[in-house]
C-alpha atoms as a PDB file:
ATOM      1  CA  ILE A   1       0.000   0.000   0.000  1.00  0.00           C
ATOM      2  CA  SER A   2       1.261   3.484  -0.839  1.00  0.00           C
ATOM      3  CA  PHE A   3      -0.026   6.764   0.535  1.00  0.00           C
ATOM      4  CA  LEU A   4      -1.339   9.179  -2.065  1.00  0.00           C
ATOM      5  CA  GLY A   5      -2.626  12.705  -1.849  1.00  0.00           C
ATOM      6  CA  ILE A   6       0.291  13.763   0.338  1.00  0.00           C
ATOM      7  CA  SER A   7       3.843  13.699  -0.912  1.00  0.00           C
ATOM      8  CA  SER A   8       6.595  12.247   1.213  1.00  0.00           C
ATOM      9  CA  SER A   9       6.816  15.615   2.955  1.00  0.00           C
ATOM     10  CA  SER A  10       4.061  18.219   2.646  1.00  0.00           C
ATOM     11  CA  ILE A  11       3.241  21.407   4.518  1.00  0.00           C
ATOM     12  CA  ILE A  12      -0.490  21.794   5.068  1.00  0.00           C
ATOM     13  CA  ASN A  13      -1.643  24.928   6.911  1.00  0.00           C
ATOM     14  CA  ASN A  14       1.128  25.171   9.514  1.00  0.00           C
ATOM     15  CA  ILE A  15       1.883  21.453   9.886  1.00  0.00           C
ATOM     16  CA  THR A  16       4.330  19.187   8.086  1.00  0.00           C
ATOM     17  CA  VAL A  17       3.322  15.627   7.247  1.00  0.00           C
ATOM     18  CA  ASP A  18       6.139  13.167   6.499  1.00  0.00           C
ATOM     19  CA  VAL A  19       4.919   9.839   5.115  1.00  0.00           C
ATOM     20  CA  ASN A  20       7.089   6.738   5.078  1.00  0.00           C
ATOM     21  CA  ASN A  21       5.641   4.263   2.558  1.00  0.00           C
ATOM     22  CA  ASN A  22       7.972   1.489   3.758  1.00  0.00           C
ATOM     23  CA  THR A  23       6.753   1.568   7.356  1.00  0.00           C
ATOM     24  CA  GLN A  24       3.304   2.972   6.492  1.00  0.00           C
ATOM     25  CA  THR A  25       3.672   5.662   9.125  1.00  0.00           C
ATOM     26  CA  ALA A  26       3.089   9.387   9.030  1.00  0.00           C
ATOM     27  CA  ASN A  27       4.936  11.847  11.259  1.00  0.00           C
ATOM     28  CA  ILE A  28       3.110  15.111  11.803  1.00  0.00           C
ATOM     29  CA  THR A  29       5.020  18.165  13.046  1.00  0.00           C
ATOM     30  CA  ALA A  30       3.606  21.615  13.823  1.00  0.00           C
ATOM     31  CA  GLN A  31       5.527  24.659  12.667  1.00  0.00           C
ATOM     32  CA  THR A  32       7.101  26.861  15.327  1.00  0.00           C
ATOM     33  CA  ASP A  33       4.552  28.757  17.433  1.00  0.00           C
ATOM     34  CA  PHE A  34       1.560  27.228  15.612  1.00  0.00           C
ATOM     35  CA  PHE A  35      -1.411  25.923  17.535  1.00  0.00           C
ATOM     36  CA  GLY A  36      -4.888  25.035  16.360  1.00  0.00           C
ATOM     37  CA  THR A  37      -6.850  22.291  14.606  1.00  0.00           C
ATOM     38  CA  ARG A  38      -6.149  20.839  11.168  1.00  0.00           C
ATOM     39  CA  TYR A  39      -7.867  18.062   9.209  1.00  0.00           C
ATOM     40  CA  ILE A  40      -6.224  15.573   6.841  1.00  0.00           C
ATOM     41  CA  ILE A  41      -7.556  12.763   4.656  1.00  0.00           C
ATOM     42  CA  PHE A  42      -5.005  10.184   3.541  1.00  0.00           C
ATOM     43  CA  SER A  43      -5.477   8.180   0.347  1.00  0.00           C
ATOM     44  CA  ALA A  44      -3.904   4.772  -0.187  1.00  0.00           C
ATOM     45  CA  ILE A  45      -3.447   2.760  -3.391  1.00  0.00           C
ATOM     46  CA  ASP A  46      -2.594  -0.909  -3.601  1.00  0.00           C
ATOM     47  CA  SER A  47      -0.638  -2.761  -6.290  1.00  0.00           C
ATOM     48  CA  ASN A  48      -3.834  -3.154  -8.352  1.00  0.00           C
ATOM     49  CA  ASN A  49      -4.377   0.644  -8.355  1.00  0.00           C
ATOM     50  CA  ASN A  50      -7.359   0.348  -6.016  1.00  0.00           C
ATOM     51  CA  SER A  51      -7.636   3.575  -4.009  1.00  0.00           C
ATOM     52  CA  THR A  52      -9.161   4.101  -0.578  1.00  0.00           C
ATOM     53  CA  ALA A  53      -9.472   7.312   1.412  1.00  0.00           C
ATOM     54  CA  SER A  54      -9.086   7.382   5.166  1.00  0.00           C
ATOM     55  CA  ASN A  55     -11.567   8.869   7.522  1.00  0.00           C
ATOM     56  CA  ASN A  56     -11.022  12.528   8.320  1.00  0.00           C
ATOM     57  CA  VAL A  57      -8.001  12.737  10.631  1.00  0.00           C
ATOM     58  CA  THR A  58      -8.228  15.560  13.170  1.00  0.00           C
ATOM     59  CA  ILE A  59      -4.940  16.998  14.374  1.00  0.00           C
ATOM     60  CA  ILE A  60      -5.080  19.243  17.421  1.00  0.00           C
ATOM     61  CA  VAL A  61      -1.927  21.169  18.314  1.00  0.00           C
ATOM     62  CA  ASN A  62      -2.030  22.740  21.770  1.00  0.00           C
ATOM     63  CA  ASN A  63      -0.261  26.006  22.449  1.00  0.00           C
ATOM     64  CA  ILE A  64       3.049  25.631  24.234  1.00  0.00           C
ATOM     65  CA  ASN A  65       4.394  28.723  25.907  1.00  0.00           C
ATOM     66  CA  ASP A  66       7.885  29.685  24.779  1.00  0.00           C
ATOM     67  CA  ALA A  67      10.437  31.126  27.164  1.00  0.00           C
ATOM     68  CA  PRO A  68      11.462  34.728  26.505  1.00  0.00           C
ATOM     69  CA  SER A  69      14.832  35.431  24.938  1.00  0.00           C
ATOM     70  CA  THR A  70      17.808  36.124  27.176  1.00  0.00           C
ATOM     71  CA  PRO A  71      18.312  39.818  27.992  1.00  0.00           C
ATOM     72  CA  ALA A  72      21.687  41.310  27.035  1.00  0.00           C
ATOM     73  CA  LEU A  73      23.364  43.563  29.577  1.00  0.00           C
ATOM     74  CA  LEU A  74      24.119  47.042  28.193  1.00  0.00           C
ATOM     75  CA  ALA A  75      25.300  49.372  30.953  1.00  0.00           C
ATOM     76  CA  PRO A  76      27.350  49.843  32.924  1.00  0.00           C
ATOM     77  CA  LEU A  77      29.741  47.984  30.660  1.00  0.00           C
ATOM     78  CA  ASN A  78      31.459  44.924  32.051  1.00  0.00           C
ATOM     79  CA  ASN A  79      34.460  45.703  34.291  1.00  0.00           C
ATOM     80  CA  SER A  80      33.723  49.419  34.233  1.00  0.00           C
ATOM     81  CA  VAL A  81      34.374  51.966  36.946  1.00  0.00           C
ATOM     82  CA  VAL A  82      31.226  53.874  37.909  1.00  0.00           C
ATOM     83  CA  PHE A  83      31.457  57.215  39.697  1.00  0.00           C
ATOM     84  CA  SER A  84      28.595  57.910  42.069  1.00  0.00           C
ATOM     85  CA  ALA A  85      28.816  60.284  44.994  1.00  0.00           C
ATOM     86  CA  ASN A  86      25.439  59.094  46.326  1.00  0.00           C
ATOM     87  CA  GLY A  87      25.873  55.295  46.063  1.00  0.00           C
ATOM     88  CA  LYS A  88      23.386  54.900  43.188  1.00  0.00           C
ATOM     89  CA  VAL A  89      23.820  53.034  39.902  1.00  0.00           C
ATOM     90  CA  THR A  90      21.304  52.400  37.129  1.00  0.00           C
ATOM     91  CA  LEU A  91      21.588  49.043  35.351  1.00  0.00           C
ATOM     92  CA  ASN A  92      20.379  48.756  31.727  1.00  0.00           C
ATOM     93  CA  TRP A  93      19.735  45.727  29.486  1.00  0.00           C
ATOM     94  CA  SER A  94      18.023  44.899  26.202  1.00  0.00           C
ATOM     95  CA  ALA A  95      14.366  43.906  26.101  1.00  0.00           C
ATOM     96  CA  SER A  96      13.666  40.192  25.861  1.00  0.00           C
ATOM     97  CA  ILE A  97      11.498  38.931  23.026  1.00  0.00           C
ATOM     98  CA  ASP A  98       8.542  36.726  23.910  1.00  0.00           C
ATOM     99  CA  ALA A  99       7.055  34.804  20.967  1.00  0.00           C
ATOM    100  CA  ASP A 100       3.723  34.547  22.793  1.00  0.00           C
ATOM    101  CA  ASN A 101       3.610  38.316  23.485  1.00  0.00           C
ATOM    102  CA  ASP A 102       3.257  37.684  27.211  1.00  0.00           C
ATOM    103  CA  GLY A 103       4.092  40.457  29.655  1.00  0.00           C
ATOM    104  CA  LEU A 104       7.613  40.141  31.018  1.00  0.00           C
ATOM    105  CA  THR A 105       9.109  40.622  34.452  1.00  0.00           C
ATOM    106  CA  TYR A 106      12.863  41.040  34.770  1.00  0.00           C
ATOM    107  CA  TYR A 107      14.644  39.664  37.817  1.00  0.00           C
ATOM    108  CA  VAL A 108      17.787  41.563  38.821  1.00  0.00           C
ATOM    109  CA  LEU A 109      20.420  39.624  40.736  1.00  0.00           C
ATOM    110  CA  PHE A 110      23.173  41.644  42.337  1.00  0.00           C
ATOM    111  CA  GLY A 111      25.944  41.303  44.871  1.00  0.00           C
ATOM    112  CA  ASN A 112      29.570  41.910  45.715  1.00  0.00           C
ATOM    113  CA  THR A 113      30.480  38.263  45.239  1.00  0.00           C
ATOM    114  CA  THR A 114      29.876  35.654  42.566  1.00  0.00           C
ATOM    115  CA  ASN A 115      26.961  34.398  44.696  1.00  0.00           C
ATOM    116  CA  LEU A 116      24.389  36.878  43.400  1.00  0.00           C
ATOM    117  CA  THR A 117      21.036  37.270  45.124  1.00  0.00           C
ATOM    118  CA  LEU A 118      17.721  38.680  43.961  1.00  0.00           C
ATOM    119  CA  ASN A 119      17.737  42.444  44.381  1.00  0.00           C
ATOM    120  CA  GLY A 120      14.359  43.179  42.794  1.00  0.00           C
ATOM    121  CA  THR A 121      12.020  42.842  39.839  1.00  0.00           C
ATOM    122  CA  THR A 122      10.804  45.258  37.187  1.00  0.00           C
ATOM    123  CA  GLN A 123       8.867  45.353  33.925  1.00  0.00           C
ATOM    124  CA  ASN A 124      11.351  47.950  32.609  1.00  0.00           C
ATOM    125  CA  THR A 125      14.757  47.380  31.030  1.00  0.00           C
ATOM    126  CA  ASN A 126      16.547  49.361  33.727  1.00  0.00           C
ATOM    127  CA  PHE A 127      16.866  49.149  37.476  1.00  0.00           C
ATOM    128  CA  LEU A 128      18.147  51.705  40.005  1.00  0.00           C
ATOM    129  CA  LEU A 129      20.387  50.372  42.760  1.00  0.00           C
ATOM    130  CA  VAL A 130      20.763  52.478  45.900  1.00  0.00           C
ATOM    131  CA  GLY A 131      22.793  52.286  49.097  1.00  0.00           C
ATOM    132  CA  LEU A 132      25.932  51.009  47.418  1.00  0.00           C
ATOM    133  CA  ASN A 133      29.354  51.355  48.986  1.00  0.00           C
ATOM    134  CA  ASN A 134      32.215  53.167  47.283  1.00  0.00           C
ATOM    135  CA  ALA A 135      35.466  51.337  46.536  1.00  0.00           C
ATOM    136  CA  THR A 136      33.485  48.107  46.149  1.00  0.00           C
ATOM    137  CA  THR A 137      33.269  45.719  43.198  1.00  0.00           C
ATOM    138  CA  TYR A 138      29.769  44.474  42.398  1.00  0.00           C
ATOM    139  CA  SER A 139      28.411  41.881  39.960  1.00  0.00           C
ATOM    140  CA  TRP A 140      24.982  41.633  38.364  1.00  0.00           C
ATOM    141  CA  LYS A 141      22.865  39.627  35.963  1.00  0.00           C
ATOM    142  CA  VAL A 142      19.253  39.606  34.752  1.00  0.00           C
ATOM    143  CA  PHE A 143      16.736  37.060  33.536  1.00  0.00           C
ATOM    144  CA  ALA A 144      13.213  37.449  32.144  1.00  0.00           C
ATOM    145  CA  ASN A 145      10.034  35.582  33.068  1.00  0.00           C
ATOM    146  CA  ASP A 146       6.667  35.543  31.271  1.00  0.00           C
ATOM    147  CA  SER A 147       4.814  34.018  34.281  1.00  0.00           C
ATOM    148  CA  THR A 148       5.166  30.546  32.719  1.00  0.00           C
ATOM    149  CA  ASN A 149       8.765  30.189  31.530  1.00  0.00           C
ATOM    150  CA  THR A 150      12.071  31.792  32.367  1.00  0.00           C
ATOM    151  CA  SER A 151      14.808  32.886  29.991  1.00  0.00           C
ATOM    152  CA  SER A 152      18.378  31.848  30.457  1.00  0.00           C
ATOM    153  CA  ASN A 153      20.420  34.078  32.745  1.00  0.00           C
ATOM    154  CA  SER A 154      22.211  36.941  31.077  1.00  0.00           C
ATOM    155  CA  SER A 155      25.964  37.066  31.267  1.00  0.00           C
ATOM    156  CA  ILE A 156      27.413  38.447  34.511  1.00  0.00           C
ATOM    157  CA  PHE A 157      28.873  41.957  34.466  1.00  0.00           C
ATOM    158  CA  THR A 158      31.013  43.517  37.161  1.00  0.00           C
ATOM    159  CA  LEU A 159      31.493  47.150  38.048  1.00  0.00           C
ATOM    160  CA  GLN A 160      33.565  49.025  40.570  1.00  0.00           C
ATOM    161  CA  LEU A 161      31.868  51.891  42.377  1.00  0.00           C
ATOM    162  CA  ARG A 162      33.841  55.011  43.218  1.00  0.00           C
ATOM    163  CA  GLY A 163      32.576  58.152  44.886  1.00  0.00           C
ATOM    164  CA  THR A 164      34.296  60.740  42.682  1.00  0.00           C
ATOM    165  CA  ALA A 165      36.555  60.794  39.665  1.00  0.00           C
ATOM    166  CA  ARG A 166      39.490  61.832  41.863  1.00  0.00           C
ATOM    167  CA  GLN A 167      39.262  58.823  44.180  1.00  0.00           C
ATOM    168  CA  GLN A 168      42.106  56.303  43.717  1.00  0.00           C
END
């Protein structure tokens, strides 16, 4: 028996159907970020050219939430010296992309060691740190969450805080 009506690999309204005539199996794969219902009818022909159509096959693809992309740290640049007389620094990063268009919350991890702890959350792509000590090296990273999935952690940047430009 051979499958007809669908080539060995066909795209039908956001799904790909791969038919293997040797094993008489069909693999059905949804395209990225597609969800919904599709209907397929397979036709088979035997060695005598007798053709038979299948019943209507219903394919239901459920939505799967994708994690947001990883934010990229922008400022302060890695290993930079930041001058702040009042112990404040604003961190900036790129916006994450969420294929599902979910709202995003950014988690800011910060510390003066490699063991960073959660400092706060924001829906913005910047975060103001206060109460920092001069002559101290700090590290930070960010990740995004869409309330279902979490992005990978950003890289870790370090900065050294100094009170004035004249401080050694």
